[in-house]
Amino acid sequence: MKVDEVKLGAIDAAGAQIEAVFSRRVPDYAVYRTKDRVLAHCADDPVREAKQRSILATLGPLRGEINGLIDGWRTGRSDADKAKAHGFERRVADALVLALEDDEASAKALLENVKLDIHEERVSRARFQYLLVASMALAFGLVVIFVMTSDWYRASVHAFEHKTDPLWLAAGAGAVGAFFSIATGIRNRTVLPDLRVVDNSADAVLRIVIGLIAATILIFLLQSGVVATPTFGNRTIDIEAAAPAVYSWAMVVVVAFTAGFLERLVPDLLANTAVATLRPATPTSAPVVPATKIVPAAPAGETAPEAPDEDADNCFDRHQADDETPDEDLPPARGGVATV
């Protein structure tokens, strides 16, 4: 296939129909688009064709990544997605023209920018999906709490004791706190591109569930007295398990919302509580010093008895060993300093 044969509606060498021609310079090159991707047709001259193919080969990995990122938009049902894919394809075509004109560095830089822009677009959509899934999880959790604490559920299914009311309230407030944390930090939160829908959805649901559980556990900890009662300003948190009818619902909401909003609050609190529990209750006792035997003083005019052997102060010059050799039995000495 020659360069001048690359026309709209024609069939290329791979058997695909040409849907758009971005650039054509006879007989040097042509850049066009098929249903699946953007392609480049090299020069008719074999020498120049070999050089162009060498440059295009170095850009192959980037082109493949870009093609994979926009493939869902190109074949999707949304016209907006198709238009966005065609816009990125035109930029890829511009990069291919630069490569065919022997400007490999500029072509690679342009493809890098295209890939980055597509990734940011994917992440932006993923953030919206993340918030959508988190809001759905929050709504589902609040509906379940409302149903299970309703008079109908108590009369028809199971009647929970009223002393559990602070826990249900805390669960709902913790879920709301978790969603508020997601909403305020979504720009800085690590979110995968929207190609990883399952991972992002699972993370969003787990964040809401963690906030719900953390708030409930914190109320349990305060009621049981396992952790010290904290204070907000000059107010002490007082949630008595023995008198649930008089609990402060506002205080429960504040505590539970805080536990849901601060993702690491309850885990860190539990870790500190566990460390404090493992510490010894009493300080380590000082080493015991053995008692010293006291030798009674001698009466006036008498000599005091010597201390026993175990109390000797290592002065062995005062002790006579049984196997000590007398001086007269020693062999004569050798060496020394001669006297003139």
Protein backbone atom coordinates (compact mmCIF):
# COMPACT_ATOMS: atom_id res chain seq x y z
CA MET A 1 0.00 0.00 0.00
CA LYS A 2 1.37 3.38 -1.04
CA VAL A 3 1.04 6.64 0.85
CA ASP A 4 -1.25 8.16 -1.77
CA GLU A 5 -3.65 5.22 -1.31
CA VAL A 6 -4.41 6.22 2.29
CA LYS A 7 -7.84 7.80 1.91
CA LEU A 8 -11.05 8.06 3.90
CA GLY A 9 -13.04 4.83 3.61
CA ALA A 10 -10.15 2.85 2.11
CA ILE A 11 -8.91 -0.46 3.50
CA ASP A 12 -5.40 -0.42 4.95
CA ALA A 13 -2.78 -3.16 4.82
CA ALA A 14 -4.23 -4.81 7.96
CA GLY A 15 -7.71 -5.00 6.45
CA ALA A 16 -9.23 -2.26 8.63
CA GLN A 17 -11.33 0.54 7.22
CA ILE A 18 -9.86 4.03 7.47
CA GLU A 19 -12.29 6.28 9.37
CA ALA A 20 -10.23 9.48 9.46
CA VAL A 21 -7.02 10.78 7.89
CA PHE A 22 -5.14 13.21 10.14
CA SER A 23 -2.15 13.95 7.94
CA ARG A 24 -0.72 12.80 4.61
CA ARG A 25 2.49 13.81 2.90
CA VAL A 26 3.08 11.92 -0.31
CA PRO A 27 5.36 9.99 -0.54
CA ASP A 28 6.79 10.40 2.97
CA TYR A 29 4.04 9.36 5.40
CA ALA A 30 0.36 9.31 6.34
CA VAL A 31 -1.39 9.24 9.73
CA TYR A 32 -4.91 7.89 9.98
CA ARG A 33 -7.42 6.31 12.35
CA THR A 34 -9.28 3.02 12.18
CA LYS A 35 -11.99 1.70 14.48
CA ASP A 36 -9.43 0.41 16.96
CA ARG A 37 -6.46 2.80 16.97
CA VAL A 38 -4.37 5.54 15.34
CA LEU A 39 -1.81 4.29 12.82
CA ALA A 40 1.08 5.68 10.80
CA HIS A 41 1.92 4.68 7.22
CA CYS A 42 5.63 5.05 6.54
CA ALA A 43 7.36 6.39 3.42
CA ASP A 44 7.40 4.63 0.11
CA ASP A 45 11.19 4.83 0.02
CA PRO A 46 12.63 1.73 1.75
CA VAL A 47 15.54 3.59 3.39
CA ARG A 48 13.37 6.32 4.85
CA GLU A 49 10.74 3.75 5.81
CA ALA A 50 13.31 1.79 7.86
CA LYS A 51 14.33 4.95 9.72
CA GLN A 52 10.73 5.90 10.44
CA ARG A 53 9.90 2.41 11.69
CA SER A 54 12.90 2.54 14.03
CA ILE A 55 11.60 5.76 15.60
CA LEU A 56 8.03 4.49 15.83
CA ALA A 57 9.24 1.32 17.57
CA THR A 58 10.58 3.36 20.50
CA LEU A 59 7.17 5.00 20.89
CA GLY A 60 5.28 1.71 20.77
CA PRO A 61 4.95 1.16 24.56
CA LEU A 62 3.52 4.64 25.13
CA ARG A 63 1.10 4.28 22.24
CA GLY A 64 -0.05 0.94 23.61
CA GLU A 65 -0.71 2.37 27.09
CA ILE A 66 -2.65 5.29 25.66
CA ASN A 67 -4.67 3.03 23.42
CA GLY A 68 -5.56 0.83 26.39
CA LEU A 69 -6.63 3.79 28.52
CA ILE A 70 -9.05 5.20 25.94
CA ASP A 71 -10.28 1.89 24.54
CA GLY A 72 -13.34 1.86 26.80
CA TRP A 73 -14.32 5.36 25.71
CA ARG A 74 -13.86 4.58 22.02
CA THR A 75 -16.16 1.56 22.09
CA GLY A 76 -18.61 2.79 24.73
CA ARG A 77 -22.19 3.88 24.28
CA SER A 78 -21.70 7.45 25.46
CA ASP A 79 -21.19 10.00 22.72
CA ALA A 80 -19.30 12.20 25.17
CA ASP A 81 -16.80 9.41 25.83
CA LYS A 82 -16.34 8.79 22.12
CA ALA A 83 -15.74 12.50 21.50
CA LYS A 84 -13.19 12.60 24.33
CA ALA A 85 -11.42 9.55 22.89
CA HIS A 86 -11.27 11.16 19.43
CA GLY A 87 -9.78 14.29 20.98
CA PHE A 88 -6.94 12.32 22.55
CA GLU A 89 -6.46 10.39 19.29
CA ARG A 90 -5.87 13.66 17.43
CA ARG A 91 -3.11 14.49 19.91
CA VAL A 92 -1.59 11.04 19.37
CA ALA A 93 -1.72 11.68 15.63
CA ASP A 94 0.19 14.94 16.14
CA ALA A 95 2.87 13.03 18.03
CA LEU A 96 3.13 10.49 15.21
CA VAL A 97 3.60 13.29 12.67
CA LEU A 98 6.49 14.61 14.75
CA ALA A 99 8.02 11.14 14.88
CA LEU A 100 7.69 10.69 11.11
CA GLU A 101 9.41 14.07 10.69
CA ASP A 102 12.38 12.65 12.68
CA ASP A 103 11.59 14.63 15.87
CA GLU A 104 11.56 11.69 18.26
CA ALA A 105 12.08 13.69 21.48
CA SER A 106 9.12 16.01 20.88
CA ALA A 107 6.92 13.09 19.87
CA LYS A 108 7.75 11.19 23.06
CA ALA A 109 7.14 14.26 25.25
CA LEU A 110 3.75 14.84 23.60
CA LEU A 111 2.72 11.22 24.13
CA GLU A 112 3.78 11.43 27.80
CA ASN A 113 1.53 14.47 28.25
CA VAL A 114 -1.36 12.70 26.54
CA LYS A 115 -0.97 9.70 28.82
CA LEU A 116 -0.85 11.93 31.91
CA ASP A 117 -3.97 13.83 30.86
CA ILE A 118 -5.88 10.60 30.24
CA HIS A 119 -4.80 9.24 33.63
CA GLU A 120 -5.96 12.42 35.39
CA GLU A 121 -9.29 12.21 33.58
CA ARG A 122 -9.67 8.60 34.69
CA VAL A 123 -8.81 9.46 38.30
CA SER A 124 -11.25 12.38 38.27
CA ARG A 125 -14.05 10.07 37.20
CA ALA A 126 -12.94 7.54 39.80
CA ARG A 127 -13.24 10.16 42.57
CA PHE A 128 -16.82 10.83 41.54
CA GLN A 129 -17.57 7.11 41.54
CA TYR A 130 -15.88 6.82 44.94
CA LEU A 131 -18.11 9.51 46.42
CA LEU A 132 -21.17 7.98 44.78
CA VAL A 133 -20.48 4.52 46.22
CA ALA A 134 -19.67 5.98 49.64
CA SER A 135 -22.94 7.94 49.68
CA MET A 136 -24.87 4.82 48.70
CA ALA A 137 -23.19 2.84 51.48
CA LEU A 138 -24.00 5.61 53.96
CA ALA A 139 -27.65 5.72 52.88
CA PHE A 140 -27.93 1.95 53.13
CA GLY A 141 -26.42 1.94 56.62
CA LEU A 142 -28.69 4.71 57.88
CA VAL A 143 -31.77 2.98 56.47
CA VAL A 144 -30.81 -0.28 58.21
CA ILE A 145 -30.28 1.53 61.52
CA PHE A 146 -33.59 3.37 61.17
CA VAL A 147 -35.50 0.16 60.41
CA MET A 148 -33.92 -1.86 63.22
CA THR A 149 -34.68 0.84 65.80
CA SER A 150 -38.22 1.55 64.59
CA ASP A 151 -41.32 0.61 66.57
CA TRP A 152 -42.43 -1.69 63.77
CA TYR A 153 -39.21 -3.72 63.95
CA ARG A 154 -39.37 -3.89 67.75
CA ALA A 155 -42.95 -5.14 67.60
CA SER A 156 -42.67 -7.47 64.61
CA VAL A 157 -39.13 -8.84 64.53
CA HIS A 158 -37.00 -8.18 67.59
CA ALA A 159 -37.17 -5.64 70.37
CA PHE A 160 -33.71 -4.38 71.26
CA GLU A 161 -33.32 -3.09 74.80
CA HIS A 162 -33.43 0.66 75.17
CA LYS A 163 -29.99 0.68 76.72
CA THR A 164 -28.65 -0.03 73.22
CA ASP A 165 -30.03 3.26 71.89
CA PRO A 166 -26.69 5.09 72.33
CA LEU A 167 -24.99 2.39 70.26
CA TRP A 168 -27.41 2.72 67.34
CA LEU A 169 -27.09 6.49 67.45
CA ALA A 170 -23.31 6.19 67.56
CA ALA A 171 -23.29 3.83 64.57
CA GLY A 172 -25.19 6.32 62.42
CA ALA A 173 -23.09 9.27 63.56
CA GLY A 174 -19.88 7.33 62.92
CA ALA A 175 -20.97 6.51 59.37
CA VAL A 176 -21.78 10.18 58.74
CA GLY A 177 -18.39 11.17 60.15
CA ALA A 178 -16.63 8.72 57.84
CA PHE A 179 -18.45 10.11 54.80
CA PHE A 180 -17.59 13.67 55.86
CA SER A 181 -13.94 12.63 56.11
CA ILE A 182 -14.08 11.17 52.59
CA ALA A 183 -15.77 14.27 51.17
CA THR A 184 -13.30 16.72 52.70
CA GLY A 185 -10.20 14.71 51.79
CA ILE A 186 -11.16 13.28 48.42
CA ARG A 187 -8.67 15.50 46.58
CA ASN A 188 -5.77 14.11 48.61
CA ARG A 189 -7.07 10.57 48.93
CA THR A 190 -5.37 7.89 46.87
CA VAL A 191 -7.94 6.77 44.31
CA LEU A 192 -7.23 4.33 41.50
CA PRO A 193 -8.36 5.17 37.95
CA ASP A 194 -11.94 4.31 37.08
CA LEU A 195 -10.69 1.19 35.34
CA ARG A 196 -10.43 -0.31 38.87
CA VAL A 197 -14.08 0.09 39.78
CA VAL A 198 -14.20 -2.91 42.12
CA ASP A 199 -11.18 -1.79 44.16
CA ASN A 200 -12.43 1.78 44.52
CA SER A 201 -15.95 0.65 45.45
CA ALA A 202 -14.65 -1.80 48.04
CA ASP A 203 -12.45 0.89 49.61
CA ALA A 204 -15.35 3.36 49.80
CA VAL A 205 -17.70 0.84 51.43
CA LEU A 206 -15.03 -0.30 53.88
CA ARG A 207 -14.32 3.30 54.92
CA ILE A 208 -17.99 3.80 55.84
CA VAL A 209 -18.13 0.45 57.67
CA ILE A 210 -14.93 1.26 59.58
CA GLY A 211 -16.38 4.58 60.73
CA LEU A 212 -19.58 2.88 61.85
CA ILE A 213 -17.76 0.15 63.80
CA ALA A 214 -15.18 2.54 65.28
CA ALA A 215 -17.89 4.81 66.69
CA THR A 216 -19.75 1.88 68.25
CA ILE A 217 -16.57 0.44 69.77
CA LEU A 218 -15.64 3.82 71.24
CA ILE A 219 -19.01 4.07 72.99
CA PHE A 220 -18.47 0.55 74.35
CA LEU A 221 -15.02 1.55 75.63
CA LEU A 222 -16.38 4.63 77.36
CA GLN A 223 -19.29 2.75 78.93
CA SER A 224 -17.09 -0.08 80.18
CA GLY A 225 -14.47 2.25 81.63
CA VAL A 226 -11.63 0.53 79.77
CA VAL A 227 -10.35 3.89 78.57
CA ALA A 228 -10.12 7.06 80.59
CA THR A 229 -13.04 9.45 80.23
CA PRO A 230 -11.93 12.27 77.89
CA THR A 231 -13.05 15.88 78.02
CA PHE A 232 -14.09 18.44 75.42
CA GLY A 233 -13.21 21.84 76.80
CA ASN A 234 -14.72 21.90 80.28
CA ARG A 235 -17.24 19.13 79.52
CA THR A 236 -16.57 15.54 80.54
CA ILE A 237 -17.97 12.78 78.36
CA ASP A 238 -20.34 10.84 80.60
CA ILE A 239 -22.12 7.95 78.90
CA GLU A 240 -23.38 5.68 81.64
CA ALA A 241 -24.38 2.18 80.63
CA ALA A 242 -26.45 1.84 83.81
CA ALA A 243 -28.66 4.83 83.03
CA PRO A 244 -29.20 4.93 79.24
CA ALA A 245 -32.46 6.82 79.56
CA VAL A 246 -30.64 9.95 80.68
CA TYR A 247 -27.67 9.85 78.31
CA SER A 248 -26.78 12.97 76.37
CA TRP A 249 -27.57 12.22 72.74
CA ALA A 250 -25.63 15.31 71.67
CA MET A 251 -22.51 14.04 73.44
CA VAL A 252 -22.92 10.61 71.83
CA VAL A 253 -23.20 12.20 68.38
CA VAL A 254 -20.08 14.32 68.96
CA VAL A 255 -18.01 11.38 70.17
CA ALA A 256 -19.23 8.99 67.47
CA PHE A 257 -18.84 11.54 64.67
CA THR A 258 -15.27 12.20 65.80
CA ALA A 259 -14.50 8.47 65.87
CA GLY A 260 -15.85 8.06 62.34
CA PHE A 261 -14.13 11.16 61.00
CA LEU A 262 -10.70 10.33 62.44
CA GLU A 263 -9.90 7.00 60.84
CA ARG A 264 -7.02 6.21 63.22
CA LEU A 265 -8.61 7.40 66.47
CA VAL A 266 -10.02 4.12 67.76
CA PRO A 267 -7.17 1.88 66.47
CA ASP A 268 -4.59 4.13 68.14
CA LEU A 269 -6.70 4.26 71.31
CA LEU A 270 -6.90 0.48 71.41
CA ALA A 271 -3.17 0.17 70.79
CA ASN A 272 -2.35 2.56 73.63
CA THR A 273 -4.78 0.76 75.92
CA ALA A 274 -3.18 -2.59 75.12
CA VAL A 275 0.31 -1.25 75.82
CA ALA A 276 -0.82 0.23 79.13
CA THR A 277 -2.43 -3.08 80.10
CA LEU A 278 0.75 -5.03 79.41
CA ARG A 279 2.90 -2.78 81.60
CA PRO A 280 3.68 -4.06 85.15
CA ALA A 281 1.48 -2.61 87.87
CA THR A 282 4.37 -2.10 90.32
CA PRO A 283 7.90 -0.91 89.66
CA THR A 284 10.66 -3.47 89.52
CA SER A 285 11.98 -4.17 93.02
CA ALA A 286 15.53 -3.14 93.84
CA PRO A 287 18.18 -5.86 94.02
CA VAL A 288 18.48 -7.47 97.45
CA VAL A 289 21.77 -6.74 99.19
CA PRO A 290 22.95 -9.64 101.35
CA ALA A 291 23.15 -8.85 105.02
CA THR A 292 26.59 -8.36 106.54
CA LYS A 293 27.48 -10.39 109.56
CA ILE A 294 28.27 -8.19 112.55
CA VAL A 295 31.12 -9.28 114.79
CA PRO A 296 30.46 -8.32 118.43
CA ALA A 297 32.90 -5.93 120.02
CA ALA A 298 35.44 -7.42 122.47
CA PRO A 299 35.29 -6.51 126.14
CA ALA A 300 37.72 -3.98 127.50
CA GLY A 301 41.28 -5.27 127.56
CA GLU A 302 40.66 -8.13 125.10
CA THR A 303 41.33 -8.52 121.39
CA ALA A 304 38.33 -8.67 119.09
CA PRO A 305 37.96 -11.92 117.13
CA GLU A 306 38.76 -11.81 113.44
CA ALA A 307 35.96 -11.93 110.87
CA PRO A 308 35.17 -15.32 109.33
CA ASP A 309 36.84 -16.38 106.08
CA GLU A 310 33.84 -15.52 103.89
CA ASP A 311 34.10 -11.91 105.00
CA ALA A 312 37.80 -11.57 104.25
CA ASP A 313 38.73 -8.52 102.19
CA ASN A 314 40.87 -10.47 99.74
CA CYS A 315 44.06 -9.74 101.67
CA PHE A 316 45.58 -13.18 101.18
CA ASP A 317 48.99 -12.15 102.50
CA ARG A 318 47.70 -12.85 106.00
CA HIS A 319 46.70 -16.41 105.20
CA GLN A 320 49.04 -19.38 105.20
CA ALA A 321 48.30 -21.98 102.53
CA ASP A 322 48.74 -25.63 103.51
CA ASP A 323 50.79 -26.48 100.39
CA GLU A 324 53.09 -23.42 100.56
CA THR A 325 56.85 -24.27 100.11
CA PRO A 326 59.24 -22.82 102.76
CA ASP A 327 61.96 -20.47 101.54
CA GLU A 328 64.81 -22.81 102.56
CA ASP A 329 63.40 -25.58 100.34
CA LEU A 330 63.28 -23.43 97.21
CA PRO A 331 65.98 -24.00 94.50
CA PRO A 332 68.74 -21.41 94.22
CA ALA A 333 67.87 -18.34 92.17
CA ARG A 334 69.47 -17.70 88.76
CA GLY A 335 70.12 -14.47 86.93
CA GLY A 336 69.78 -11.07 88.53
CA VAL A 337 72.15 -8.11 88.62
CA ALA A 338 75.82 -8.74 89.26
CA THR A 339 77.63 -6.55 91.80
CA VAL A 340 81.03 -5.19 90.70
